[in-house]
Amino acid sequence: MNIDFELNGKSVSAEVSPHQPLRDILRSQFDLTGVKVGCHSGRCGVCSVLLDGSAVKSCLLMAPKVNGRSIVTIEGLASNGELHPVQQAFKDNFALQCGYCTPGFIMATVDYLDSSPSNPPVRDEIKTAIKGNVCRCTGYEKIISAVSSAITSSDN
């Protein structure tokens, strides 16, 4: 079946099977490898993308469900050669180590920022916002600092 959708601001079409995860077509048909392959069950968050502005696990979302909708991947956040403010906050706060989980955390943070978090940020809110993502390297402190920094900088 053929589907049409917006991908990182551009209209695209893809040939998909009814039970094919969105993650697979993003990686294979569009070469968007920032959408990582992790647990295959929605537990780790490395495959997160924005669907109509909300973070979703692309390993659980069947590709036909995105017909007529908007998808943004980590590759679609930067603009005019400038990192998205959340990407910059992760960089500035050293909130990545191996980097494998970073795209998922960034997508969850962008979704969280768009939901109008409190400023100053409340640590428990941040922990709730990123709870669907797993990092095995950083211990989360630098990630939480990056999210807090992104929230604070978005209000300036």
N, C-alpha and C. Protein backbone atom coordinates (compact mmCIF):
# COMPACT_ATOMS: atom_id res chain seq x y z
N MET A 1 0.84 -1.18 0.00
CA MET A 1 0.00 0.00 0.00
C MET A 1 0.89 1.24 0.00
N ASN A 2 0.40 2.30 -0.60
CA ASN A 2 1.14 3.55 -0.65
C ASN A 2 0.56 4.53 0.36
N ILE A 3 1.44 5.22 1.08
CA ILE A 3 1.00 6.24 2.02
C ILE A 3 1.70 7.56 1.68
N ASP A 4 1.03 8.65 1.99
CA ASP A 4 1.58 10.00 1.80
C ASP A 4 1.55 10.69 3.15
N PHE A 5 2.66 11.34 3.48
CA PHE A 5 2.73 12.05 4.76
C PHE A 5 3.80 13.12 4.68
N GLU A 6 3.85 13.97 5.69
CA GLU A 6 4.89 14.99 5.77
C GLU A 6 6.02 14.45 6.64
N LEU A 7 7.22 14.53 6.13
CA LEU A 7 8.39 14.04 6.85
C LEU A 7 9.42 15.16 6.94
N ASN A 8 9.67 15.62 8.14
CA ASN A 8 10.62 16.71 8.37
C ASN A 8 10.35 17.89 7.46
N GLY A 9 9.05 18.22 7.33
CA GLY A 9 8.63 19.40 6.58
C GLY A 9 8.45 19.21 5.09
N LYS A 10 8.62 18.00 4.59
CA LYS A 10 8.47 17.74 3.15
C LYS A 10 7.42 16.67 2.92
N SER A 11 6.65 16.83 1.86
CA SER A 11 5.67 15.81 1.48
C SER A 11 6.40 14.63 0.87
N VAL A 12 6.08 13.43 1.35
CA VAL A 12 6.71 12.20 0.86
C VAL A 12 5.66 11.12 0.68
N SER A 13 6.06 10.10 -0.08
CA SER A 13 5.24 8.90 -0.26
C SER A 13 6.11 7.69 0.06
N ALA A 14 5.47 6.62 0.49
CA ALA A 14 6.20 5.39 0.78
C ALA A 14 5.32 4.20 0.50
N GLU A 15 5.95 3.15 0.03
CA GLU A 15 5.27 1.87 -0.16
C GLU A 15 5.50 1.06 1.11
N VAL A 16 4.42 0.67 1.78
CA VAL A 16 4.53 -0.02 3.06
C VAL A 16 3.60 -1.23 3.09
N SER A 17 3.91 -2.14 4.00
CA SER A 17 2.99 -3.25 4.25
C SER A 17 2.14 -2.88 5.47
N PRO A 18 0.98 -3.49 5.63
CA PRO A 18 0.07 -3.10 6.71
C PRO A 18 0.65 -3.22 8.12
N HIS A 19 1.59 -4.13 8.32
CA HIS A 19 2.11 -4.36 9.66
C HIS A 19 3.58 -3.96 9.79
N GLN A 20 4.00 -3.01 8.96
CA GLN A 20 5.39 -2.56 8.98
C GLN A 20 5.52 -1.37 9.93
N PRO A 21 6.42 -1.46 10.91
CA PRO A 21 6.62 -0.34 11.82
C PRO A 21 7.16 0.90 11.09
N LEU A 22 6.72 2.05 11.52
CA LEU A 22 7.21 3.30 10.95
C LEU A 22 8.72 3.38 11.02
N ARG A 23 9.30 2.94 12.12
CA ARG A 23 10.76 2.97 12.28
C ARG A 23 11.46 2.33 11.08
N ASP A 24 10.94 1.21 10.63
CA ASP A 24 11.60 0.49 9.54
C ASP A 24 11.59 1.28 8.24
N ILE A 25 10.46 1.94 7.91
CA ILE A 25 10.46 2.70 6.66
C ILE A 25 11.29 3.97 6.77
N LEU A 26 11.32 4.58 7.96
CA LEU A 26 12.15 5.77 8.12
C LEU A 26 13.61 5.45 7.89
N ARG A 27 14.04 4.32 8.39
CA ARG A 27 15.43 3.91 8.24
C ARG A 27 15.74 3.39 6.83
N SER A 28 14.88 2.52 6.31
CA SER A 28 15.21 1.86 5.04
C SER A 28 14.87 2.69 3.81
N GLN A 29 13.73 3.37 3.82
CA GLN A 29 13.31 4.11 2.62
C GLN A 29 13.79 5.56 2.62
N PHE A 30 14.04 6.11 3.81
CA PHE A 30 14.42 7.52 3.88
C PHE A 30 15.81 7.73 4.48
N ASP A 31 16.49 6.64 4.85
CA ASP A 31 17.85 6.69 5.39
C ASP A 31 17.98 7.60 6.60
N LEU A 32 16.96 7.62 7.45
CA LEU A 32 16.96 8.44 8.66
C LEU A 32 17.40 7.56 9.83
N THR A 33 18.71 7.40 9.95
CA THR A 33 19.26 6.47 10.94
C THR A 33 19.35 7.06 12.35
N GLY A 34 18.94 8.31 12.51
CA GLY A 34 18.81 8.86 13.86
C GLY A 34 17.65 8.20 14.61
N VAL A 35 16.75 7.57 13.87
CA VAL A 35 15.68 6.76 14.45
C VAL A 35 16.31 5.39 14.70
N LYS A 36 16.66 5.14 15.94
CA LYS A 36 17.44 3.95 16.28
C LYS A 36 16.57 2.70 16.44
N VAL A 37 17.22 1.55 16.36
CA VAL A 37 16.59 0.25 16.61
C VAL A 37 17.06 -0.19 17.99
N GLY A 38 16.09 -0.42 18.87
CA GLY A 38 16.44 -0.82 20.23
C GLY A 38 15.70 -2.06 20.66
N CYS A 39 14.70 -1.90 21.47
CA CYS A 39 14.04 -3.02 22.13
C CYS A 39 12.94 -3.67 21.29
N HIS A 40 12.44 -3.01 20.28
CA HIS A 40 11.34 -3.51 19.44
C HIS A 40 10.01 -3.58 20.18
N SER A 41 9.95 -3.04 21.39
CA SER A 41 8.70 -3.14 22.16
C SER A 41 8.29 -1.83 22.82
N GLY A 42 8.89 -0.72 22.44
CA GLY A 42 8.50 0.58 22.96
C GLY A 42 8.99 0.90 24.35
N ARG A 43 9.92 0.13 24.87
CA ARG A 43 10.37 0.36 26.25
C ARG A 43 11.58 1.27 26.37
N CYS A 44 12.39 1.35 25.31
CA CYS A 44 13.66 2.09 25.46
C CYS A 44 13.61 3.51 24.93
N GLY A 45 12.75 3.81 23.98
CA GLY A 45 12.59 5.16 23.48
C GLY A 45 13.56 5.60 22.40
N VAL A 46 14.49 4.74 21.97
CA VAL A 46 15.50 5.17 21.00
C VAL A 46 14.91 5.42 19.62
N CYS A 47 13.71 4.97 19.37
CA CYS A 47 13.07 5.14 18.06
C CYS A 47 12.06 6.28 18.05
N SER A 48 12.06 7.12 19.08
CA SER A 48 11.04 8.17 19.21
C SER A 48 11.11 9.19 18.09
N VAL A 49 9.92 9.57 17.62
CA VAL A 49 9.74 10.63 16.63
C VAL A 49 8.56 11.47 17.10
N LEU A 50 8.37 12.61 16.47
CA LEU A 50 7.20 13.43 16.75
C LEU A 50 6.14 13.14 15.69
N LEU A 51 4.98 12.73 16.12
CA LEU A 51 3.82 12.49 15.27
C LEU A 51 2.84 13.61 15.56
N ASP A 52 2.65 14.49 14.58
CA ASP A 52 1.78 15.65 14.78
C ASP A 52 2.15 16.40 16.06
N GLY A 53 3.45 16.45 16.36
CA GLY A 53 3.96 17.22 17.49
C GLY A 53 4.11 16.47 18.79
N SER A 54 3.65 15.23 18.87
CA SER A 54 3.76 14.46 20.10
C SER A 54 4.74 13.31 19.93
N ALA A 55 5.56 13.09 20.93
CA ALA A 55 6.55 12.00 20.87
C ALA A 55 5.85 10.65 20.91
N VAL A 56 6.24 9.78 19.96
CA VAL A 56 5.72 8.42 19.90
C VAL A 56 6.88 7.47 19.61
N LYS A 57 6.70 6.22 19.95
CA LYS A 57 7.69 5.18 19.67
C LYS A 57 7.41 4.63 18.28
N SER A 58 8.29 4.87 17.35
CA SER A 58 8.05 4.48 15.96
C SER A 58 8.14 2.98 15.73
N CYS A 59 8.65 2.23 16.71
CA CYS A 59 8.66 0.77 16.56
C CYS A 59 7.27 0.19 16.82
N LEU A 60 6.43 0.93 17.51
CA LEU A 60 5.08 0.46 17.82
C LEU A 60 4.02 1.00 16.88
N LEU A 61 4.36 2.03 16.14
CA LEU A 61 3.41 2.69 15.24
C LEU A 61 3.51 2.07 13.85
N MET A 62 2.44 1.48 13.40
CA MET A 62 2.46 0.87 12.07
C MET A 62 2.42 1.99 11.02
N ALA A 63 3.25 1.84 10.02
CA ALA A 63 3.44 2.87 9.00
C ALA A 63 2.12 3.37 8.37
N PRO A 64 1.16 2.50 8.06
CA PRO A 64 -0.07 3.02 7.45
C PRO A 64 -0.80 4.06 8.31
N LYS A 65 -0.57 4.05 9.61
CA LYS A 65 -1.23 4.99 10.52
C LYS A 65 -0.75 6.44 10.34
N VAL A 66 0.37 6.64 9.64
CA VAL A 66 0.88 8.01 9.47
C VAL A 66 0.40 8.65 8.18
N ASN A 67 -0.41 7.93 7.41
CA ASN A 67 -0.94 8.49 6.16
C ASN A 67 -1.65 9.82 6.45
N GLY A 68 -1.22 10.88 5.76
CA GLY A 68 -1.84 12.19 5.93
C GLY A 68 -1.40 12.95 7.16
N ARG A 69 -0.41 12.45 7.86
CA ARG A 69 0.03 13.09 9.12
C ARG A 69 1.43 13.65 8.98
N SER A 70 1.93 14.23 10.05
CA SER A 70 3.25 14.86 10.05
C SER A 70 4.19 14.14 10.99
N ILE A 71 5.38 13.80 10.48
CA ILE A 71 6.42 13.14 11.27
C ILE A 71 7.65 14.04 11.28
N VAL A 72 8.25 14.20 12.45
CA VAL A 72 9.54 14.88 12.58
C VAL A 72 10.48 13.92 13.29
N THR A 73 11.65 13.72 12.68
CA THR A 73 12.69 12.90 13.30
C THR A 73 13.78 13.82 13.83
N ILE A 74 14.75 13.24 14.51
CA ILE A 74 15.86 14.03 15.04
C ILE A 74 16.55 14.81 13.92
N GLU A 75 16.58 14.23 12.72
CA GLU A 75 17.22 14.90 11.58
C GLU A 75 16.45 16.14 11.15
N GLY A 76 15.17 16.23 11.50
CA GLY A 76 14.34 17.36 11.10
C GLY A 76 14.30 18.50 12.09
N LEU A 77 15.02 18.39 13.19
CA LEU A 77 14.95 19.45 14.20
C LEU A 77 15.86 20.64 13.90
N ALA A 78 17.06 20.39 13.44
CA ALA A 78 17.99 21.49 13.14
C ALA A 78 17.44 22.31 11.99
N SER A 79 17.79 23.59 11.97
CA SER A 79 17.29 24.47 10.92
C SER A 79 18.38 25.43 10.49
N ASN A 80 18.56 25.58 9.20
CA ASN A 80 19.56 26.50 8.65
C ASN A 80 20.94 26.31 9.26
N GLY A 81 21.31 25.06 9.47
CA GLY A 81 22.63 24.76 10.00
C GLY A 81 22.78 24.99 11.50
N GLU A 82 21.70 25.36 12.15
CA GLU A 82 21.71 25.61 13.60
C GLU A 82 20.99 24.47 14.32
N LEU A 83 21.59 24.00 15.40
CA LEU A 83 20.92 22.97 16.20
C LEU A 83 19.64 23.53 16.79
N HIS A 84 18.67 22.66 16.96
CA HIS A 84 17.46 23.01 17.71
C HIS A 84 17.90 23.34 19.14
N PRO A 85 17.23 24.24 19.83
CA PRO A 85 17.62 24.59 21.21
C PRO A 85 17.76 23.39 22.14
N VAL A 86 16.94 22.36 21.95
CA VAL A 86 17.06 21.17 22.80
C VAL A 86 18.33 20.41 22.45
N GLN A 87 18.62 20.28 21.17
CA GLN A 87 19.87 19.64 20.77
C GLN A 87 21.06 20.40 21.35
N GLN A 88 21.01 21.72 21.28
CA GLN A 88 22.09 22.55 21.80
C GLN A 88 22.23 22.37 23.31
N ALA A 89 21.11 22.29 24.01
CA ALA A 89 21.15 22.10 25.47
C ALA A 89 21.78 20.76 25.83
N PHE A 90 21.48 19.72 25.07
CA PHE A 90 22.09 18.42 25.33
C PHE A 90 23.59 18.49 25.09
N LYS A 91 23.99 19.18 24.04
CA LYS A 91 25.42 19.34 23.75
C LYS A 91 26.10 20.15 24.86
N ASP A 92 25.52 21.27 25.20
CA ASP A 92 26.13 22.17 26.20
C ASP A 92 26.23 21.55 27.58
N ASN A 93 25.31 20.64 27.89
CA ASN A 93 25.29 20.01 29.21
C ASN A 93 25.92 18.62 29.23
N PHE A 94 26.60 18.26 28.15
CA PHE A 94 27.27 16.96 28.05
C PHE A 94 26.32 15.81 28.38
N ALA A 95 25.10 15.92 27.84
CA ALA A 95 24.05 14.95 28.16
C ALA A 95 24.03 13.78 27.19
N LEU A 96 25.17 13.41 26.72
CA LEU A 96 25.26 12.25 25.87
C LEU A 96 26.60 11.59 26.14
N GLN A 97 26.61 10.34 26.01
CA GLN A 97 27.87 9.63 26.18
C GLN A 97 28.08 8.80 24.94
N CYS A 98 27.45 7.66 24.84
CA CYS A 98 27.58 6.91 23.59
C CYS A 98 26.70 7.55 22.51
N GLY A 99 25.64 8.24 22.92
CA GLY A 99 24.77 8.95 21.99
C GLY A 99 23.63 8.14 21.42
N TYR A 100 23.59 6.85 21.68
CA TYR A 100 22.57 6.01 21.07
C TYR A 100 21.15 6.41 21.50
N CYS A 101 20.98 6.71 22.76
CA CYS A 101 19.65 7.06 23.27
C CYS A 101 19.30 8.53 23.08
N THR A 102 20.28 9.35 22.75
CA THR A 102 20.10 10.80 22.71
C THR A 102 18.95 11.26 21.82
N PRO A 103 18.80 10.75 20.60
CA PRO A 103 17.67 11.22 19.79
C PRO A 103 16.31 11.03 20.47
N GLY A 104 16.12 9.90 21.12
CA GLY A 104 14.85 9.66 21.80
C GLY A 104 14.62 10.62 22.95
N PHE A 105 15.66 10.88 23.73
CA PHE A 105 15.52 11.84 24.82
C PHE A 105 15.24 13.24 24.28
N ILE A 106 15.88 13.60 23.19
CA ILE A 106 15.65 14.93 22.62
C ILE A 106 14.22 15.05 22.11
N MET A 107 13.72 14.04 21.44
CA MET A 107 12.34 14.10 20.94
C MET A 107 11.34 14.18 22.10
N ALA A 108 11.58 13.43 23.17
CA ALA A 108 10.71 13.50 24.34
C ALA A 108 10.77 14.90 24.96
N THR A 109 11.95 15.50 24.98
CA THR A 109 12.12 16.83 25.55
C THR A 109 11.41 17.89 24.70
N VAL A 110 11.52 17.77 23.38
CA VAL A 110 10.81 18.72 22.51
C VAL A 110 9.31 18.64 22.77
N ASP A 111 8.78 17.43 22.87
CA ASP A 111 7.36 17.25 23.19
C ASP A 111 7.04 17.90 24.54
N TYR A 112 7.87 17.65 25.52
CA TYR A 112 7.67 18.21 26.86
C TYR A 112 7.70 19.73 26.83
N LEU A 113 8.65 20.32 26.13
CA LEU A 113 8.73 21.79 26.03
C LEU A 113 7.47 22.36 25.41
N ASP A 114 6.94 21.67 24.42
CA ASP A 114 5.73 22.15 23.75
C ASP A 114 4.49 22.05 24.63
N SER A 115 4.59 21.31 25.74
CA SER A 115 3.45 21.18 26.65
C SER A 115 3.49 22.21 27.78
N SER A 116 4.37 23.21 27.66
CA SER A 116 4.47 24.32 28.61
C SER A 116 4.84 23.87 30.03
N PRO A 117 6.04 23.34 30.21
CA PRO A 117 6.47 22.96 31.56
C PRO A 117 6.67 24.20 32.43
N SER A 118 6.72 23.98 33.71
CA SER A 118 6.90 25.11 34.62
C SER A 118 8.34 25.63 34.54
N ASN A 119 8.49 26.90 34.82
CA ASN A 119 9.81 27.51 34.87
C ASN A 119 9.90 28.30 36.16
N PRO A 120 10.79 28.01 37.09
CA PRO A 120 11.86 27.06 36.88
C PRO A 120 11.33 25.63 36.80
N PRO A 121 12.06 24.80 36.05
CA PRO A 121 11.59 23.43 35.87
C PRO A 121 11.56 22.64 37.17
N VAL A 122 10.58 21.81 37.29
CA VAL A 122 10.43 20.95 38.45
C VAL A 122 11.01 19.58 38.10
N ARG A 123 11.96 19.14 38.91
CA ARG A 123 12.69 17.91 38.63
C ARG A 123 11.77 16.71 38.41
N ASP A 124 10.73 16.58 39.21
CA ASP A 124 9.81 15.45 39.06
C ASP A 124 9.08 15.50 37.72
N GLU A 125 8.76 16.71 37.23
CA GLU A 125 8.11 16.84 35.92
C GLU A 125 9.06 16.37 34.82
N ILE A 126 10.32 16.74 34.94
CA ILE A 126 11.32 16.34 33.95
C ILE A 126 11.46 14.82 33.95
N LYS A 127 11.54 14.23 35.13
CA LYS A 127 11.68 12.78 35.21
C LYS A 127 10.48 12.09 34.58
N THR A 128 9.29 12.63 34.78
CA THR A 128 8.09 12.06 34.17
C THR A 128 8.14 12.21 32.65
N ALA A 129 8.61 13.36 32.18
CA ALA A 129 8.66 13.62 30.74
C ALA A 129 9.60 12.68 30.00
N ILE A 130 10.67 12.25 30.64
CA ILE A 130 11.67 11.40 29.97
C ILE A 130 11.58 9.93 30.38
N LYS A 131 10.58 9.58 31.17
CA LYS A 131 10.53 8.22 31.73
C LYS A 131 10.41 7.12 30.69
N GLY A 132 9.97 7.43 29.49
CA GLY A 132 9.83 6.41 28.46
C GLY A 132 11.12 6.15 27.69
N ASN A 133 12.23 6.69 28.19
CA ASN A 133 13.52 6.55 27.52
C ASN A 133 14.53 5.94 28.48
N VAL A 134 15.41 5.13 27.93
CA VAL A 134 16.41 4.45 28.74
C VAL A 134 17.80 4.86 28.28
N CYS A 135 18.66 5.18 29.25
CA CYS A 135 20.07 5.46 28.98
C CYS A 135 20.89 4.54 29.86
N ARG A 136 21.87 3.90 29.26
CA ARG A 136 22.71 2.99 30.03
C ARG A 136 24.07 3.59 30.35
N CYS A 137 24.32 4.81 29.91
CA CYS A 137 25.66 5.39 30.06
C CYS A 137 25.76 6.55 31.03
N THR A 138 24.78 7.47 31.01
CA THR A 138 24.99 8.76 31.68
C THR A 138 24.55 8.84 33.12
N GLY A 139 23.68 7.98 33.57
CA GLY A 139 23.17 8.11 34.93
C GLY A 139 22.08 9.15 35.05
N TYR A 140 21.63 9.74 33.96
CA TYR A 140 20.48 10.63 33.85
C TYR A 140 20.71 12.05 34.38
N GLU A 141 21.67 12.29 35.24
CA GLU A 141 21.82 13.63 35.82
C GLU A 141 22.08 14.69 34.76
N LYS A 142 22.97 14.39 33.82
CA LYS A 142 23.27 15.38 32.78
C LYS A 142 22.09 15.53 31.81
N ILE A 143 21.34 14.48 31.62
CA ILE A 143 20.14 14.57 30.78
C ILE A 143 19.12 15.48 31.45
N ILE A 144 18.90 15.29 32.73
CA ILE A 144 17.95 16.13 33.46
C ILE A 144 18.44 17.59 33.44
N SER A 145 19.73 17.81 33.59
CA SER A 145 20.28 19.18 33.50
C SER A 145 20.03 19.77 32.13
N ALA A 146 20.21 18.97 31.08
CA ALA A 146 19.98 19.46 29.72
C ALA A 146 18.52 19.84 29.51
N VAL A 147 17.61 19.01 29.98
CA VAL A 147 16.18 19.31 29.85
C VAL A 147 15.86 20.59 30.59
N SER A 148 16.38 20.72 31.81
CA SER A 148 16.16 21.92 32.61
C SER A 148 16.71 23.16 31.89
N SER A 149 17.89 23.02 31.33
CA SER A 149 18.52 24.12 30.60
C SER A 149 17.70 24.49 29.36
N ALA A 150 17.20 23.51 28.66
CA ALA A 150 16.38 23.76 27.46
C ALA A 150 15.10 24.50 27.84
N ILE A 151 14.51 24.13 28.96
CA ILE A 151 13.29 24.80 29.42
C ILE A 151 13.59 26.26 29.74
N THR A 152 14.64 26.48 30.48
CA THR A 152 15.02 27.83 30.88
C THR A 152 15.36 28.69 29.66
N SER A 153 16.11 28.14 28.71
CA SER A 153 16.51 28.91 27.54
C SER A 153 15.34 29.18 26.60
N SER A 154 14.33 28.31 26.62
CA SER A 154 13.18 28.53 25.73
C SER A 154 12.32 29.70 26.19
N ASP A 155 12.49 30.12 27.43
CA ASP A 155 11.71 31.24 27.94
C ASP A 155 12.39 32.58 27.71
N ASN A 156 13.62 32.56 27.22
CA ASN A 156 14.35 33.82 27.00
C ASN A 156 14.01 34.42 25.66
